[in-house]
């Protein structure tokens, strides 16, 4: 990442995002001020083409942003993560005016794949799309777990195809389109400010040219563009949480003393070895993520396998490290001011976000054994 973007990110975190993180969590409110700080830092357009005024940066730079945000505010990080994943599809198949708006930071987008009918099986939408004979398309759906629901300027929306073969078609649906209803507010265990609410669409009309890619090609587009971005950035999200948790644990061990022994907790062998295990687990995930990015960047033969592995590796490790830090810090970790308890809750989300850990392990097994994913 360029020094300019890095400085802008650090300023946004220090001045706005980190100071508001605890309040975002306790209130469950969408982090508008934090997202606006990301916008003003020029980071919403980080992955947009420089030809359209964006940052023109790679997925590796995007991972740095998500890791940094997640170490301070998980909700803000998830909003930006989903924006980047949706942007990948819009960059490949969207109209120039929307691409320019995203590049300039004026437009927040998100994915609208998950549905109540097919749950975490995003590759099997049950929502419908039908032409109305007047150059427009009517969409009907019961979407679930849509990050930034009610706050995004657009949704990258999946449906069954109009006429073509294939499992799904993608559409760009403006957030203020008539017929969209957001059901909330979101009151979750973790990531409490990411407005992950159900959205229903009833007779939602969009122009036929709102389609992103060919009719029926939505799954291929999602697998080739959005999924690698989503999986890699989700791993960066988990890594950011782990890094913050291990940092909190290290500070706790060095500043907390056992008066009767006149020693710090860091001087106790059990505490040191436990901390070392958690630190090493975090570094293992960092190494795996870097290897995945290298595989993608160089077109290595195992790039697809690494992408399918990386979210599951990081999500499970994050839950393990979060639980370990809670135990290591003892009763202090249960106090909200330390920040461990909040990050512990946020760390649990990645395992159940589609594709879940179980689904990814199935994909990895299929890919490694030469079987089709679907």
Protein backbone atom coordinates (compact mmCIF):
# COMPACT_ATOMS: atom_id res chain seq x y z
CA UNK A 1 0.00 0.00 0.00
CA UNK A 2 1.26 3.47 -0.82
CA UNK A 3 2.43 5.71 2.00
CA UNK A 4 -0.45 8.08 1.20
CA UNK A 5 -3.14 5.43 1.64
CA UNK A 6 -1.42 4.02 4.71
CA UNK A 7 -1.31 7.43 6.39
CA UNK A 8 -4.95 8.11 5.52
CA UNK A 9 -5.98 4.74 6.95
CA UNK A 10 -4.06 5.32 10.16
CA UNK A 11 -5.59 8.78 10.60
CA UNK A 12 -9.13 7.43 10.06
CA UNK A 13 -8.53 4.66 12.59
CA UNK A 14 -6.90 6.82 15.26
CA UNK A 15 -9.25 9.79 15.05
CA UNK A 16 -12.62 8.17 14.32
CA UNK A 17 -12.86 4.39 14.06
CA UNK A 18 -11.02 3.16 17.16
CA UNK A 19 -12.56 5.72 19.56
CA UNK A 20 -16.09 4.77 18.38
CA UNK A 21 -15.69 0.99 18.26
CA UNK A 22 -17.01 0.21 21.74
CA UNK A 23 -20.03 2.47 21.26
CA UNK A 24 -20.82 0.89 17.88
CA UNK A 25 -20.81 -2.49 19.59
CA UNK A 26 -22.86 -1.49 22.63
CA UNK A 27 -25.46 0.46 20.67
CA UNK A 28 -25.67 -1.88 17.69
CA UNK A 29 -25.91 1.15 15.41
CA UNK A 30 -24.45 1.27 11.93
CA UNK A 31 -21.01 2.98 12.11
CA UNK A 32 -21.85 5.87 9.80
CA UNK A 33 -19.10 8.12 11.13
CA UNK A 34 -16.50 5.36 10.77
CA UNK A 35 -17.59 4.46 7.24
CA UNK A 36 -17.50 8.15 6.36
CA UNK A 37 -13.94 8.32 7.70
CA UNK A 38 -13.02 5.41 5.41
CA UNK A 39 -14.69 7.30 2.56
CA UNK A 40 -12.80 10.54 3.28
CA UNK A 41 -9.56 8.59 3.44
CA UNK A 42 -10.15 7.50 -0.16
CA UNK A 43 -10.36 3.85 0.83
CA UNK A 44 -13.84 2.96 -0.45
CA UNK A 45 -12.41 3.31 -3.96
CA UNK A 46 -9.13 1.57 -3.12
CA UNK A 47 -9.76 -1.44 -5.37
CA UNK A 48 -11.50 0.53 -8.14
CA UNK A 49 -9.74 1.04 -11.44
CA UNK A 50 -7.52 4.09 -11.67
CA UNK A 51 -9.09 4.69 -15.10
CA UNK A 52 -12.31 5.56 -13.28
CA UNK A 53 -10.59 7.59 -10.55
CA UNK A 54 -10.05 4.78 -8.06
CA UNK A 55 -6.99 3.69 -6.15
CA UNK A 56 -6.14 0.90 -8.57
CA UNK A 57 -4.75 -1.19 -5.72
CA UNK A 58 -4.58 -4.97 -5.51
CA UNK A 59 -6.34 -7.44 -3.25
CA UNK A 60 -3.24 -7.48 -1.03
CA UNK A 61 -3.75 -3.78 -0.23
CA UNK A 62 -7.42 -4.45 0.39
CA UNK A 63 -6.44 -7.17 2.85
CA UNK A 64 -4.23 -4.70 4.71
CA UNK A 65 -7.15 -2.29 5.06
CA UNK A 66 -9.53 -4.97 6.33
CA UNK A 67 -6.98 -6.38 8.77
CA UNK A 68 -6.30 -2.92 10.19
CA UNK A 69 -9.99 -2.02 10.49
CA UNK A 70 -10.89 -5.36 12.07
CA UNK A 71 -8.24 -4.96 14.75
CA UNK A 72 -10.15 -1.89 15.93
CA UNK A 73 -13.82 -2.18 14.84
CA UNK A 74 -15.15 -5.43 13.44
CA UNK A 75 -18.41 -3.88 12.28
CA UNK A 76 -16.70 -1.22 10.19
CA UNK A 77 -14.33 -3.81 8.75
CA UNK A 78 -17.21 -6.07 7.67
CA UNK A 79 -19.05 -3.19 5.97
CA UNK A 80 -15.93 -2.34 3.95
CA UNK A 81 -15.19 -6.01 3.26
CA UNK A 82 -18.61 -6.57 1.69
CA UNK A 83 -18.25 -3.31 -0.23
CA UNK A 84 -14.97 -4.53 -1.72
CA UNK A 85 -16.45 -7.92 -2.65
CA UNK A 86 -19.42 -6.32 -4.40
CA UNK A 87 -17.12 -3.79 -6.05
CA UNK A 88 -15.17 -6.64 -7.66
CA UNK A 89 -18.29 -7.68 -9.58
CA UNK A 90 -19.27 -4.12 -10.47
CA UNK A 91 -15.74 -3.42 -11.71
CA UNK A 92 -16.01 -6.41 -14.05
CA UNK A 93 -19.60 -6.00 -15.23
CA UNK A 94 -21.12 -2.75 -13.93
CA UNK A 95 -21.87 0.55 -15.65
CA UNK A 96 -19.24 3.28 -15.83
CA UNK A 97 -21.21 5.82 -13.81
CA UNK A 98 -21.51 3.49 -10.82
CA UNK A 99 -17.88 2.45 -11.12
CA UNK A 100 -16.87 6.13 -11.07
CA UNK A 101 -19.11 6.80 -8.08
CA UNK A 102 -17.56 3.93 -6.14
CA UNK A 103 -14.06 5.01 -7.15
CA UNK A 104 -14.70 8.50 -5.82
CA UNK A 105 -16.03 7.16 -2.50
CA UNK A 106 -19.56 8.47 -3.06
CA UNK A 107 -21.13 5.02 -3.35
CA UNK A 108 -21.32 2.19 -0.80
CA UNK A 109 -22.31 -1.21 -2.17
CA UNK A 110 -22.75 -4.73 -0.78
CA UNK A 111 -23.62 -8.29 -1.72
CA UNK A 112 -27.21 -9.56 -1.50
CA UNK A 113 -26.73 -13.30 -2.03
CA UNK A 114 -27.94 -15.06 1.14
CA UNK A 115 -31.61 -16.03 1.18
CA UNK A 116 -33.96 -17.47 3.75
CA UNK A 117 -34.93 -20.25 1.37
CA UNK A 118 -31.44 -21.56 0.62
CA UNK A 119 -29.71 -20.30 3.78
CA UNK A 120 -25.92 -20.32 3.46
CA UNK A 121 -26.08 -22.06 0.05
CA UNK A 122 -25.69 -18.79 -1.81
CA UNK A 123 -25.14 -20.68 -5.06
CA UNK A 124 -28.80 -21.79 -5.10
CA UNK A 125 -31.00 -18.68 -5.08
CA UNK A 126 -34.74 -19.13 -4.78
CA UNK A 127 -35.61 -15.54 -5.70
CA UNK A 128 -37.20 -14.85 -9.06
CA UNK A 129 -36.66 -12.50 -11.98
CA UNK A 130 -39.18 -11.95 -14.76
CA UNK A 131 -39.39 -9.57 -17.69
CA UNK A 132 -42.42 -7.31 -17.71
CA UNK A 133 -42.45 -6.78 -21.48
CA UNK A 134 -41.54 -3.11 -21.14
CA UNK A 135 -37.76 -3.33 -21.02
CA UNK A 136 -37.73 -3.84 -17.27
CA UNK A 137 -37.26 -6.78 -14.95
CA UNK A 138 -39.29 -7.59 -11.84
CA UNK A 139 -37.39 -9.10 -8.91
CA UNK A 140 -38.93 -10.88 -5.93
CA UNK A 141 -36.86 -12.23 -3.06
CA UNK A 142 -36.49 -12.88 0.63
CA UNK A 143 -32.85 -11.97 1.25
CA UNK A 144 -31.20 -12.55 4.62
CA UNK A 145 -28.05 -11.38 6.38
CA UNK A 146 -27.35 -8.49 4.03
CA UNK A 147 -24.54 -6.35 5.44
CA UNK A 148 -25.23 -2.59 5.32
CA UNK A 149 -28.91 -3.29 4.67
CA UNK A 150 -30.70 0.05 4.40
CA UNK A 151 -27.42 1.96 4.23
CA UNK A 152 -25.86 0.68 1.00
CA UNK A 153 -26.37 2.72 -2.16
CA UNK A 154 -26.68 -0.50 -4.14
CA UNK A 155 -26.99 -4.25 -3.79
CA UNK A 156 -25.34 -6.84 -6.03
CA UNK A 157 -28.44 -9.01 -6.11
CA UNK A 158 -28.77 -12.68 -7.10
CA UNK A 159 -31.81 -14.38 -8.60
CA UNK A 160 -32.73 -17.37 -10.68
CA UNK A 161 -32.12 -16.70 -14.37
CA UNK A 162 -34.67 -15.02 -16.60
CA UNK A 163 -34.53 -17.54 -19.43
CA UNK A 164 -31.05 -19.03 -19.63
CA UNK A 165 -29.71 -22.22 -18.15
CA UNK A 166 -27.57 -21.86 -15.07
CA UNK A 167 -28.17 -21.44 -11.34
CA UNK A 168 -28.33 -17.66 -11.07
CA UNK A 169 -28.17 -14.20 -12.58
CA UNK A 170 -26.80 -11.04 -10.97
CA UNK A 171 -28.35 -7.57 -10.91
CA UNK A 172 -27.32 -4.13 -9.68
CA UNK A 173 -30.22 -2.89 -7.57
CA UNK A 174 -30.16 0.68 -6.19
CA UNK A 175 -30.73 0.77 -2.45
CA UNK A 176 -33.67 3.16 -2.75
CA UNK A 177 -35.61 1.10 -5.30
CA UNK A 178 -39.36 0.87 -4.62
CA UNK A 179 -40.41 -2.50 -3.25
CA UNK A 180 -37.34 -3.08 -1.08
CA UNK A 181 -38.00 -3.46 2.65
CA UNK A 182 -35.30 -3.77 5.29
CA UNK A 183 -36.30 -5.72 8.38
CA UNK A 184 -34.44 -4.84 11.54
CA UNK A 185 -32.79 -3.61 13.56
CA UNK A 186 -30.00 -6.17 13.72
CA UNK A 187 -29.36 -7.35 17.29
CA UNK A 188 -26.61 -9.92 17.04
CA UNK A 189 -24.02 -11.55 19.26
CA UNK A 190 -21.13 -9.92 17.41
CA UNK A 191 -20.50 -7.46 14.56
CA UNK A 192 -23.40 -5.62 16.08
CA UNK A 193 -23.07 -2.48 13.96
CA UNK A 194 -22.89 -4.00 10.50
CA UNK A 195 -26.67 -3.75 9.87
CA UNK A 196 -26.85 -7.38 8.74
CA UNK A 197 -30.60 -7.46 8.23
CA UNK A 198 -33.06 -9.36 6.06
CA UNK A 199 -34.24 -7.51 2.95
CA UNK A 200 -37.38 -8.47 1.07
CA UNK A 201 -38.09 -7.44 -2.48
CA UNK A 202 -41.65 -7.38 -3.73
CA UNK A 203 -42.21 -6.50 -7.38
CA UNK A 204 -38.91 -4.65 -7.48
CA UNK A 205 -38.51 -3.20 -10.98
CA UNK A 206 -35.09 -2.51 -12.46
CA UNK A 207 -34.03 -1.78 -16.05
CA UNK A 208 -33.03 -4.85 -18.03
CA UNK A 209 -29.54 -3.38 -18.43
CA UNK A 210 -29.10 -3.58 -14.66
CA UNK A 211 -27.99 -7.14 -15.22
CA UNK A 212 -24.36 -7.81 -14.29
CA UNK A 213 -23.01 -10.22 -16.87
CA UNK A 214 -24.95 -12.72 -18.93
CA UNK A 215 -28.23 -14.27 -17.88
CA UNK A 216 -27.48 -17.52 -16.03
CA UNK A 217 -23.78 -16.70 -15.61
CA UNK A 218 -24.09 -15.32 -12.09
CA UNK A 219 -22.51 -18.25 -10.30
CA UNK A 220 -19.47 -18.27 -12.56
CA UNK A 221 -19.09 -14.51 -12.07
CA UNK A 222 -19.44 -14.85 -8.30
CA UNK A 223 -16.89 -17.67 -8.15
CA UNK A 224 -14.37 -15.87 -10.36
CA UNK A 225 -14.62 -12.36 -8.94
CA UNK A 226 -16.52 -11.93 -5.67
CA UNK A 227 -15.65 -15.20 -3.94
CA UNK A 228 -11.83 -14.91 -4.05
CA UNK A 229 -12.09 -11.33 -2.82
CA UNK A 230 -14.56 -12.26 -0.08
CA UNK A 231 -12.63 -15.30 1.16
CA UNK A 232 -9.25 -13.57 1.23
CA UNK A 233 -10.60 -10.45 2.91
CA UNK A 234 -12.52 -12.55 5.42
CA UNK A 235 -9.25 -14.19 6.38
CA UNK A 236 -7.69 -10.74 6.77
CA UNK A 237 -10.66 -9.79 8.95
CA UNK A 238 -10.03 -12.78 11.24
CA UNK A 239 -6.32 -12.02 11.30
CA UNK A 240 -6.97 -8.44 12.40
CA UNK A 241 -9.08 -9.66 15.31
CA UNK A 242 -6.44 -12.21 16.30
CA UNK A 243 -3.66 -9.62 16.19
CA UNK A 244 -5.64 -7.27 18.44
CA UNK A 245 -6.54 -10.07 20.86
CA UNK A 246 -2.95 -11.25 21.19
CA UNK A 247 -1.86 -7.63 21.65
CA UNK A 248 -4.37 -7.16 24.47
CA UNK A 249 -3.21 -10.40 26.06
CA UNK A 250 0.44 -9.36 25.93
CA UNK A 251 -0.29 -6.02 27.59
CA UNK A 252 -2.36 -7.72 30.27
CA UNK A 253 0.39 -10.21 31.09
CA UNK A 254 3.09 -7.57 31.38
CA UNK A 255 1.14 -5.05 33.46
CA UNK A 256 -0.67 -7.44 35.83
CA UNK A 257 1.27 -8.57 38.89
CA UNK A 258 0.97 -11.25 41.53
CA UNK A 259 1.69 -9.25 44.65
CA UNK A 260 2.45 -12.25 46.85
CA UNK A 261 5.19 -13.35 44.40
CA UNK A 262 6.24 -9.86 43.33
CA UNK A 263 6.10 -11.06 39.73
CA UNK A 264 4.11 -10.19 36.64
CA UNK A 265 1.89 -12.75 34.94
CA UNK A 266 4.40 -12.70 32.09
CA UNK A 267 6.95 -14.20 34.46
CA UNK A 268 4.76 -17.28 35.01
CA UNK A 269 5.69 -20.19 32.75
CA UNK A 270 2.11 -21.31 32.13
CA UNK A 271 1.03 -17.83 31.04
CA UNK A 272 4.10 -17.42 28.82
CA UNK A 273 3.66 -20.73 27.02
CA UNK A 274 -0.04 -20.19 26.49
CA UNK A 275 0.64 -16.72 25.11
CA UNK A 276 3.34 -18.13 22.83
CA UNK A 277 0.91 -20.70 21.43
CA UNK A 278 -1.70 -18.03 20.65
CA UNK A 279 0.92 -15.72 19.12
CA UNK A 280 2.23 -18.53 16.94
CA UNK A 281 -1.28 -19.47 15.82
CA UNK A 282 -1.80 -15.88 14.72
CA UNK A 283 1.48 -15.85 12.83
CA UNK A 284 0.53 -19.12 11.12
CA UNK A 285 -2.62 -17.50 9.75
CA UNK A 286 -0.63 -14.46 8.61
CA UNK A 287 1.78 -16.73 6.74
CA UNK A 288 -1.09 -18.68 5.14
CA UNK A 289 -2.81 -15.48 4.04
CA UNK A 290 0.41 -14.12 2.54
CA UNK A 291 0.96 -17.39 0.70
CA UNK A 292 -2.60 -17.23 -0.66
CA UNK A 293 -2.08 -13.69 -1.92
CA UNK A 294 1.22 -14.72 -3.50
CA UNK A 295 -0.46 -17.70 -5.18
CA UNK A 296 -3.13 -15.41 -6.62
CA UNK A 297 -0.68 -12.73 -7.65
CA UNK A 298 1.63 -15.12 -9.48
CA UNK A 299 -1.03 -17.41 -10.91
CA UNK A 300 0.29 -20.44 -9.07
CA UNK A 301 -1.34 -23.79 -9.83
CA UNK A 302 -2.59 -24.11 -6.24
CA UNK A 303 -4.16 -20.63 -6.11
CA UNK A 304 -7.76 -21.91 -6.21
CA UNK A 305 -7.07 -24.41 -3.45
CA UNK A 306 -5.44 -21.75 -1.26
CA UNK A 307 -8.40 -19.39 -1.77
CA UNK A 308 -10.85 -22.11 -0.74
CA UNK A 309 -8.75 -22.91 2.34
CA UNK A 310 -7.87 -19.46 3.64
CA UNK A 311 -11.18 -18.35 5.17
CA UNK A 312 -11.71 -21.66 6.97
CA UNK A 313 -8.13 -21.67 8.26
CA UNK A 314 -8.40 -18.12 9.57
CA UNK A 315 -11.96 -18.37 10.93
CA UNK A 316 -11.25 -21.47 13.00
CA UNK A 317 -7.96 -20.05 14.23
CA UNK A 318 -9.62 -16.78 15.24
CA UNK A 319 -12.18 -18.60 17.36
CA UNK A 320 -9.41 -20.64 18.95
CA UNK A 321 -7.26 -17.60 19.70
CA UNK A 322 -10.21 -15.57 21.00
CA UNK A 323 -11.19 -18.35 23.38
CA UNK A 324 -7.56 -18.77 24.44
CA UNK A 325 -7.15 -15.06 25.17
CA UNK A 326 -10.38 -15.03 27.20
CA UNK A 327 -9.01 -17.86 29.33
CA UNK A 328 -5.53 -16.38 29.57
CA UNK A 329 -6.76 -12.98 30.73
CA UNK A 330 -9.24 -14.50 33.16
CA UNK A 331 -11.89 -12.31 34.74
CA UNK A 332 -10.36 -9.17 33.27
CA UNK A 333 -11.36 -10.33 29.79
CA UNK A 334 -15.03 -10.26 30.77
CA UNK A 335 -14.89 -6.52 31.37
CA UNK A 336 -15.90 -4.66 28.26
CA UNK A 337 -13.28 -1.93 28.64
CA UNK A 338 -10.45 -4.33 27.85
CA UNK A 339 -11.85 -5.04 24.38
CA UNK A 340 -11.28 -8.81 24.53
CA UNK A 341 -14.92 -9.72 25.09
CA UNK A 342 -16.05 -7.67 22.06
CA UNK A 343 -13.45 -9.20 19.77
CA UNK A 344 -14.26 -12.67 21.10
CA UNK A 345 -17.87 -12.22 19.96
CA UNK A 346 -16.85 -10.73 16.61
CA UNK A 347 -14.49 -13.65 15.97
CA UNK A 348 -17.33 -16.16 15.95
CA UNK A 349 -19.01 -14.71 12.87
CA UNK A 350 -16.59 -15.85 10.16
CA UNK A 351 -17.24 -19.54 10.76
CA UNK A 352 -20.93 -19.25 9.91
CA UNK A 353 -20.74 -16.68 7.10
CA UNK A 354 -21.41 -18.34 3.76
CA UNK A 355 -19.57 -20.27 2.58
CA UNK A 356 -19.30 -21.77 6.07
CA UNK A 357 -16.26 -23.63 7.31
CA UNK A 358 -17.99 -26.96 6.64
CA UNK A 359 -18.89 -25.96 3.08
CA UNK A 360 -15.37 -24.74 2.38
CA UNK A 361 -13.86 -27.97 3.65
CA UNK A 362 -16.12 -29.85 1.26
CA UNK A 363 -15.01 -27.57 -1.58
CA UNK A 364 -11.35 -28.10 -0.64
CA UNK A 365 -11.81 -31.86 -0.65
CA UNK A 366 -13.50 -31.75 -4.06
CA UNK A 367 -10.87 -29.44 -5.55
CA UNK A 368 -7.98 -31.51 -4.18
CA UNK A 369 -9.54 -34.75 -5.46
CA UNK A 370 -10.31 -33.40 -8.90
CA UNK A 371 -14.09 -33.27 -8.43
CA UNK A 372 -16.37 -30.41 -9.56
CA UNK A 373 -17.37 -28.00 -6.80
CA UNK A 374 -21.03 -28.09 -7.85
